[in-house]
All heavy atoms as atom14 arrays in JSON, in Angstrom:
{
  "sequence": "ALWGADLLARRARQGRIEWRQMLIPLMPGT",
  "atom14_mask": [
    [1, 1, 1, 1, 1, 0, 0, 0, 0, 0, 0, 0, 0, 0],
    [1, 1, 1, 1, 1, 1, 1, 1, 0, 0, 0, 0, 0, 0],
    [1, 1, 1, 1, 1, 1, 1, 1, 1, 1, 1, 1, 1, 1],
    [1, 1, 1, 1, 0, 0, 0, 0, 0, 0, 0, 0, 0, 0],
    [1, 1, 1, 1, 1, 0, 0, 0, 0, 0, 0, 0, 0, 0],
    [1, 1, 1, 1, 1, 1, 1, 1, 0, 0, 0, 0, 0, 0],
    [1, 1, 1, 1, 1, 1, 1, 1, 0, 0, 0, 0, 0, 0],
    [1, 1, 1, 1, 1, 1, 1, 1, 0, 0, 0, 0, 0, 0],
    [1, 1, 1, 1, 1, 0, 0, 0, 0, 0, 0, 0, 0, 0],
    [1, 1, 1, 1, 1, 1, 1, 1, 1, 1, 1, 0, 0, 0],
    [1, 1, 1, 1, 1, 1, 1, 1, 1, 1, 1, 0, 0, 0],
    [1, 1, 1, 1, 1, 0, 0, 0, 0, 0, 0, 0, 0, 0],
    [1, 1, 1, 1, 1, 1, 1, 1, 1, 1, 1, 0, 0, 0],
    [1, 1, 1, 1, 1, 1, 1, 1, 1, 0, 0, 0, 0, 0],
    [1, 1, 1, 1, 0, 0, 0, 0, 0, 0, 0, 0, 0, 0],
    [1, 1, 1, 1, 1, 1, 1, 1, 1, 1, 1, 0, 0, 0],
    [1, 1, 1, 1, 1, 1, 1, 1, 0, 0, 0, 0, 0, 0],
    [1, 1, 1, 1, 1, 1, 1, 1, 1, 0, 0, 0, 0, 0],
    [1, 1, 1, 1, 1, 1, 1, 1, 1, 1, 1, 1, 1, 1],
    [1, 1, 1, 1, 1, 1, 1, 1, 1, 1, 1, 0, 0, 0],
    [1, 1, 1, 1, 1, 1, 1, 1, 1, 0, 0, 0, 0, 0],
    [1, 1, 1, 1, 1, 1, 1, 1, 0, 0, 0, 0, 0, 0],
    [1, 1, 1, 1, 1, 1, 1, 1, 0, 0, 0, 0, 0, 0],
    [1, 1, 1, 1, 1, 1, 1, 1, 0, 0, 0, 0, 0, 0],
    [1, 1, 1, 1, 1, 1, 1, 0, 0, 0, 0, 0, 0, 0],
    [1, 1, 1, 1, 1, 1, 1, 1, 0, 0, 0, 0, 0, 0],
    [1, 1, 1, 1, 1, 1, 1, 1, 0, 0, 0, 0, 0, 0],
    [1, 1, 1, 1, 1, 1, 1, 0, 0, 0, 0, 0, 0, 0],
    [1, 1, 1, 1, 0, 0, 0, 0, 0, 0, 0, 0, 0, 0],
    [1, 1, 1, 1, 1, 1, 1, 0, 0, 0, 0, 0, 0, 0]
  ],
  "atom14_positions": [
    [[-1.04, 7.79, 0.19], [-0.4, 8.96, -0.44], [-0.04, 10.01, 0.6], [1.09, 10.55, 0.59], [-1.33, 9.55, -1.5], [0.0, 0.0, 0.0], [0.0, 0.0, 0.0], [0.0, 0.0, 0.0], [0.0, 0.0, 0.0], [0.0, 0.0, 0.0], [0.0, 0.0, 0.0], [0.0, 0.0, 0.0], [0.0, 0.0, 0.0], [0.0, 0.0, 0.0]],
    [[-0.95, 10.32, 1.53], [-0.68, 11.35, 2.53], [0.36, 10.88, 3.55], [1.31, 11.61, 3.87], [-1.98, 11.72, 3.25], [-3.06, 12.4, 2.4], [-4.3, 12.67, 3.25], [-2.55, 13.69, 1.8], [0.0, 0.0, 0.0], [0.0, 0.0, 0.0], [0.0, 0.0, 0.0], [0.0, 0.0, 0.0], [0.0, 0.0, 0.0], [0.0, 0.0, 0.0]],
    [[0.19, 9.66, 4.04], [1.13, 9.13, 5.02], [2.53, 8.98, 4.42], [3.53, 9.38, 5.03], [0.62, 7.78, 5.53], [1.6, 7.05, 6.39], [1.96, 7.33, 7.67], [2.37, 5.88, 6.01], [2.89, 6.43, 8.12], [3.15, 5.53, 7.14], [2.43, 5.11, 4.86], [4.01, 4.43, 7.11], [3.29, 4.02, 4.85], [4.06, 3.69, 5.95]],
    [[2.62, 8.43, 3.22], [3.91, 8.24, 2.58], [4.58, 9.56, 2.24], [5.81, 9.7, 2.38], [0.0, 0.0, 0.0], [0.0, 0.0, 0.0], [0.0, 0.0, 0.0], [0.0, 0.0, 0.0], [0.0, 0.0, 0.0], [0.0, 0.0, 0.0], [0.0, 0.0, 0.0], [0.0, 0.0, 0.0], [0.0, 0.0, 0.0], [0.0, 0.0, 0.0]],
    [[3.8, 10.55, 1.79], [4.38, 11.84, 1.45], [4.97, 12.53, 2.68], [6.09, 13.08, 2.63], [3.31, 12.73, 0.8], [0.0, 0.0, 0.0], [0.0, 0.0, 0.0], [0.0, 0.0, 0.0], [0.0, 0.0, 0.0], [0.0, 0.0, 0.0], [0.0, 0.0, 0.0], [0.0, 0.0, 0.0], [0.0, 0.0, 0.0], [0.0, 0.0, 0.0]],
    [[4.24, 12.51, 3.79], [4.76, 13.14, 5.01], [5.98, 12.38, 5.52], [6.97, 12.98, 5.96], [3.67, 13.17, 6.07], [4.14, 13.84, 7.35], [4.45, 15.04, 7.31], [4.24, 13.14, 8.37], [0.0, 0.0, 0.0], [0.0, 0.0, 0.0], [0.0, 0.0, 0.0], [0.0, 0.0, 0.0], [0.0, 0.0, 0.0], [0.0, 0.0, 0.0]],
    [[5.93, 11.06, 5.46], [7.05, 10.24, 5.92], [8.32, 10.53, 5.13], [9.4, 10.78, 5.71], [6.69, 8.76, 5.81], [7.74, 7.76, 6.26], [7.94, 7.83, 7.76], [7.34, 6.35, 5.84], [0.0, 0.0, 0.0], [0.0, 0.0, 0.0], [0.0, 0.0, 0.0], [0.0, 0.0, 0.0], [0.0, 0.0, 0.0], [0.0, 0.0, 0.0]],
    [[8.22, 10.54, 3.81], [9.4, 10.78, 2.98], [9.86, 12.23, 3.07], [11.07, 12.51, 2.97], [9.09, 10.4, 1.53], [8.84, 8.91, 1.29], [8.5, 8.67, -0.18], [10.03, 8.08, 1.7], [0.0, 0.0, 0.0], [0.0, 0.0, 0.0], [0.0, 0.0, 0.0], [0.0, 0.0, 0.0], [0.0, 0.0, 0.0], [0.0, 0.0, 0.0]],
    [[8.92, 13.18, 3.24], [9.32, 14.58, 3.37], [10.13, 14.8, 4.64], [11.11, 15.54, 4.65], [8.08, 15.46, 3.36], [0.0, 0.0, 0.0], [0.0, 0.0, 0.0], [0.0, 0.0, 0.0], [0.0, 0.0, 0.0], [0.0, 0.0, 0.0], [0.0, 0.0, 0.0], [0.0, 0.0, 0.0], [0.0, 0.0, 0.0], [0.0, 0.0, 0.0]],
    [[9.73, 14.13, 5.72], [10.49, 14.26, 6.97], [11.88, 13.64, 6.81], [12.88, 14.19, 7.3], [9.74, 13.57, 8.11], [8.43, 14.24, 8.49], [7.7, 13.47, 9.58], [6.4, 14.03, 9.84], [6.16, 15.03, 10.7], [7.17, 15.57, 11.37], [4.94, 15.48, 10.89], [0.0, 0.0, 0.0], [0.0, 0.0, 0.0], [0.0, 0.0, 0.0]],
    [[11.96, 12.5, 6.14], [13.26, 11.87, 5.92], [14.15, 12.76, 5.04], [15.35, 12.88, 5.27], [13.07, 10.51, 5.26], [12.31, 9.5, 6.11], [13.15, 9.01, 7.28], [12.41, 8.11, 8.14], [12.33, 6.8, 7.97], [12.94, 6.23, 6.94], [11.66, 6.05, 8.82], [0.0, 0.0, 0.0], [0.0, 0.0, 0.0], [0.0, 0.0, 0.0]],
    [[13.57, 13.38, 4.03], [14.35, 14.22, 3.13], [14.89, 15.45, 3.86], [16.02, 15.88, 3.63], [13.51, 14.64, 1.93], [0.0, 0.0, 0.0], [0.0, 0.0, 0.0], [0.0, 0.0, 0.0], [0.0, 0.0, 0.0], [0.0, 0.0, 0.0], [0.0, 0.0, 0.0], [0.0, 0.0, 0.0], [0.0, 0.0, 0.0], [0.0, 0.0, 0.0]],
    [[14.07, 16.04, 4.75], [14.54, 17.21, 5.5], [15.66, 16.85, 6.45], [16.52, 17.68, 6.75], [13.37, 17.83, 6.27], [12.42, 18.63, 5.42], [11.6, 19.57, 6.28], [10.84, 18.84, 7.29], [9.61, 18.37, 7.1], [9.01, 18.56, 5.94], [8.98, 17.74, 8.07], [0.0, 0.0, 0.0], [0.0, 0.0, 0.0], [0.0, 0.0, 0.0]],
    [[15.66, 15.63, 6.94], [16.72, 15.18, 7.83], [17.96, 14.68, 7.08], [18.93, 14.28, 7.71], [16.19, 14.06, 8.74], [15.08, 14.52, 9.67], [14.42, 13.37, 10.4], [14.78, 12.21, 10.22], [13.43, 13.68, 11.22], [0.0, 0.0, 0.0], [0.0, 0.0, 0.0], [0.0, 0.0, 0.0], [0.0, 0.0, 0.0], [0.0, 0.0, 0.0]],
    [[17.88, 14.69, 5.75], [19.01, 14.23, 4.94], [19.11, 12.74, 4.79], [20.09, 12.24, 4.25], [0.0, 0.0, 0.0], [0.0, 0.0, 0.0], [0.0, 0.0, 0.0], [0.0, 0.0, 0.0], [0.0, 0.0, 0.0], [0.0, 0.0, 0.0], [0.0, 0.0, 0.0], [0.0, 0.0, 0.0], [0.0, 0.0, 0.0], [0.0, 0.0, 0.0]],
    [[18.1, 12.0, 5.25], [18.12, 10.54, 5.16], [17.32, 10.1, 3.95], [16.15, 9.76, 4.04], [17.55, 9.91, 6.44], [18.35, 10.24, 7.68], [17.79, 9.53, 8.9], [16.43, 9.95, 9.2], [15.64, 9.34, 10.08], [16.08, 8.27, 10.72], [14.43, 9.8, 10.32], [0.0, 0.0, 0.0], [0.0, 0.0, 0.0], [0.0, 0.0, 0.0]],
    [[17.93, 10.16, 2.8], [17.23, 9.81, 1.58], [17.87, 8.63, 0.86], [17.68, 8.44, -0.34], [17.14, 11.03, 0.62], [18.54, 11.57, 0.32], [16.23, 12.1, 1.16], [18.54, 12.68, -0.72], [0.0, 0.0, 0.0], [0.0, 0.0, 0.0], [0.0, 0.0, 0.0], [0.0, 0.0, 0.0], [0.0, 0.0, 0.0], [0.0, 0.0, 0.0]],
    [[18.65, 7.83, 1.59], [19.15, 6.6, 1.0], [18.0, 5.63, 0.84], [16.99, 5.68, 1.55], [20.24, 6.0, 1.89], [21.49, 6.86, 1.96], [22.57, 6.19, 2.78], [22.34, 5.05, 3.24], [23.64, 6.81, 2.97], [0.0, 0.0, 0.0], [0.0, 0.0, 0.0], [0.0, 0.0, 0.0], [0.0, 0.0, 0.0], [0.0, 0.0, 0.0]],
    [[18.14, 4.68, -0.09], [16.99, 3.86, -0.47], [16.5, 3.0, 0.7], [15.3, 2.77, 0.84], [17.34, 3.0, -1.68], [18.31, 1.88, -1.41], [19.66, 1.94, -1.48], [17.99, 0.54, -1.05], [20.22, 0.72, -1.19], [19.21, -0.16, -0.93], [16.8, -0.14, -0.83], [19.27, -1.5, -0.59], [16.86, -1.49, -0.49], [18.07, -2.16, -0.37]],
    [[17.4, 2.52, 1.58], [16.95, 1.71, 2.72], [16.11, 2.53, 3.67], [15.11, 2.06, 4.22], [18.15, 1.12, 3.46], [18.92, 0.07, 2.68], [20.05, -0.5, 3.51], [20.8, -1.51, 2.78], [21.8, -1.26, 1.97], [22.18, -0.01, 1.77], [22.44, -2.23, 1.34], [0.0, 0.0, 0.0], [0.0, 0.0, 0.0], [0.0, 0.0, 0.0]],
    [[16.48, 3.78, 3.88], [15.74, 4.64, 4.78], [14.44, 5.13, 4.15], [13.49, 5.47, 4.86], [16.61, 5.83, 5.2], [17.85, 5.41, 5.98], [18.85, 6.53, 6.11], [18.8, 7.49, 5.36], [19.77, 6.4, 7.05], [0.0, 0.0, 0.0], [0.0, 0.0, 0.0], [0.0, 0.0, 0.0], [0.0, 0.0, 0.0], [0.0, 0.0, 0.0]],
    [[14.39, 5.19, 2.82], [13.16, 5.59, 2.15], [12.15, 4.46, 2.13], [10.94, 4.68, 2.23], [13.46, 6.05, 0.71], [14.16, 7.38, 0.62], [14.16, 8.03, -1.06], [15.01, 6.73, -1.94], [0.0, 0.0, 0.0], [0.0, 0.0, 0.0], [0.0, 0.0, 0.0], [0.0, 0.0, 0.0], [0.0, 0.0, 0.0], [0.0, 0.0, 0.0]],
    [[12.6, 3.23, 1.99], [11.68, 2.11, 1.82], [11.09, 1.62, 3.15], [10.05, 0.97, 3.15], [12.39, 0.95, 1.13], [12.87, 1.22, -0.3], [13.5, -0.02, -0.88], [11.73, 1.7, -1.18], [0.0, 0.0, 0.0], [0.0, 0.0, 0.0], [0.0, 0.0, 0.0], [0.0, 0.0, 0.0], [0.0, 0.0, 0.0], [0.0, 0.0, 0.0]],
    [[11.74, 1.92, 4.25], [11.26, 1.46, 5.54], [10.88, 2.69, 6.37], [11.72, 3.58, 6.56], [12.34, 0.64, 6.28], [12.67, -0.61, 5.45], [11.87, 0.24, 7.67], [13.81, -1.42, 6.0], [0.0, 0.0, 0.0], [0.0, 0.0, 0.0], [0.0, 0.0, 0.0], [0.0, 0.0, 0.0], [0.0, 0.0, 0.0], [0.0, 0.0, 0.0]],
    [[9.62, 2.78, 6.84], [8.55, 1.77, 6.8], [7.57, 1.92, 5.65], [6.47, 1.38, 5.73], [7.83, 2.04, 8.13], [7.92, 3.52, 8.29], [9.26, 3.91, 7.71], [0.0, 0.0, 0.0], [0.0, 0.0, 0.0], [0.0, 0.0, 0.0], [0.0, 0.0, 0.0], [0.0, 0.0, 0.0], [0.0, 0.0, 0.0], [0.0, 0.0, 0.0]],
    [[7.95, 2.63, 4.58], [7.01, 2.84, 3.49], [6.63, 1.53, 2.81], [5.45, 1.27, 2.54], [7.61, 3.82, 2.47], [6.71, 4.16, 1.26], [5.43, 4.82, 1.72], [7.45, 5.04, 0.28], [0.0, 0.0, 0.0], [0.0, 0.0, 0.0], [0.0, 0.0, 0.0], [0.0, 0.0, 0.0], [0.0, 0.0, 0.0], [0.0, 0.0, 0.0]],
    [[7.63, 0.69, 2.52], [7.33, -0.57, 1.84], [6.49, -1.52, 2.7], [5.5, -2.07, 2.2], [8.62, -1.26, 1.38], [8.38, -2.58, 0.69], [9.9, -3.38, 0.14], [10.29, -2.38, -1.29], [0.0, 0.0, 0.0], [0.0, 0.0, 0.0], [0.0, 0.0, 0.0], [0.0, 0.0, 0.0], [0.0, 0.0, 0.0], [0.0, 0.0, 0.0]],
    [[6.81, -1.73, 3.99], [5.92, -2.58, 4.79], [4.49, -2.06, 4.89], [3.53, -2.83, 4.85], [6.6, -2.6, 6.17], [8.03, -2.31, 5.88], [8.02, -1.37, 4.73], [0.0, 0.0, 0.0], [0.0, 0.0, 0.0], [0.0, 0.0, 0.0], [0.0, 0.0, 0.0], [0.0, 0.0, 0.0], [0.0, 0.0, 0.0], [0.0, 0.0, 0.0]],
    [[4.34, -0.73, 5.01], [2.99, -0.16, 5.05], [2.22, -0.42, 3.77], [1.03, -0.79, 3.79], [0.0, 0.0, 0.0], [0.0, 0.0, 0.0], [0.0, 0.0, 0.0], [0.0, 0.0, 0.0], [0.0, 0.0, 0.0], [0.0, 0.0, 0.0], [0.0, 0.0, 0.0], [0.0, 0.0, 0.0], [0.0, 0.0, 0.0], [0.0, 0.0, 0.0]],
    [[2.89, -0.24, 2.63], [2.25, -0.53, 1.34], [1.94, -2.01, 1.21], [0.88, -2.39, 0.7], [3.17, -0.09, 0.19], [3.52, 1.29, 0.36], [2.48, -0.26, -1.15], [0.0, 0.0, 0.0], [0.0, 0.0, 0.0], [0.0, 0.0, 0.0], [0.0, 0.0, 0.0], [0.0, 0.0, 0.0], [0.0, 0.0, 0.0], [0.0, 0.0, 0.0]]
  ]
}
């Protein structure tokens, strides 16, 4: 939860919120 939240928050601030950029590396980590 903590690692994924920080990872996605950084991607969202950079404007990279397309599904491919959201799932990697979140999906492999999960």
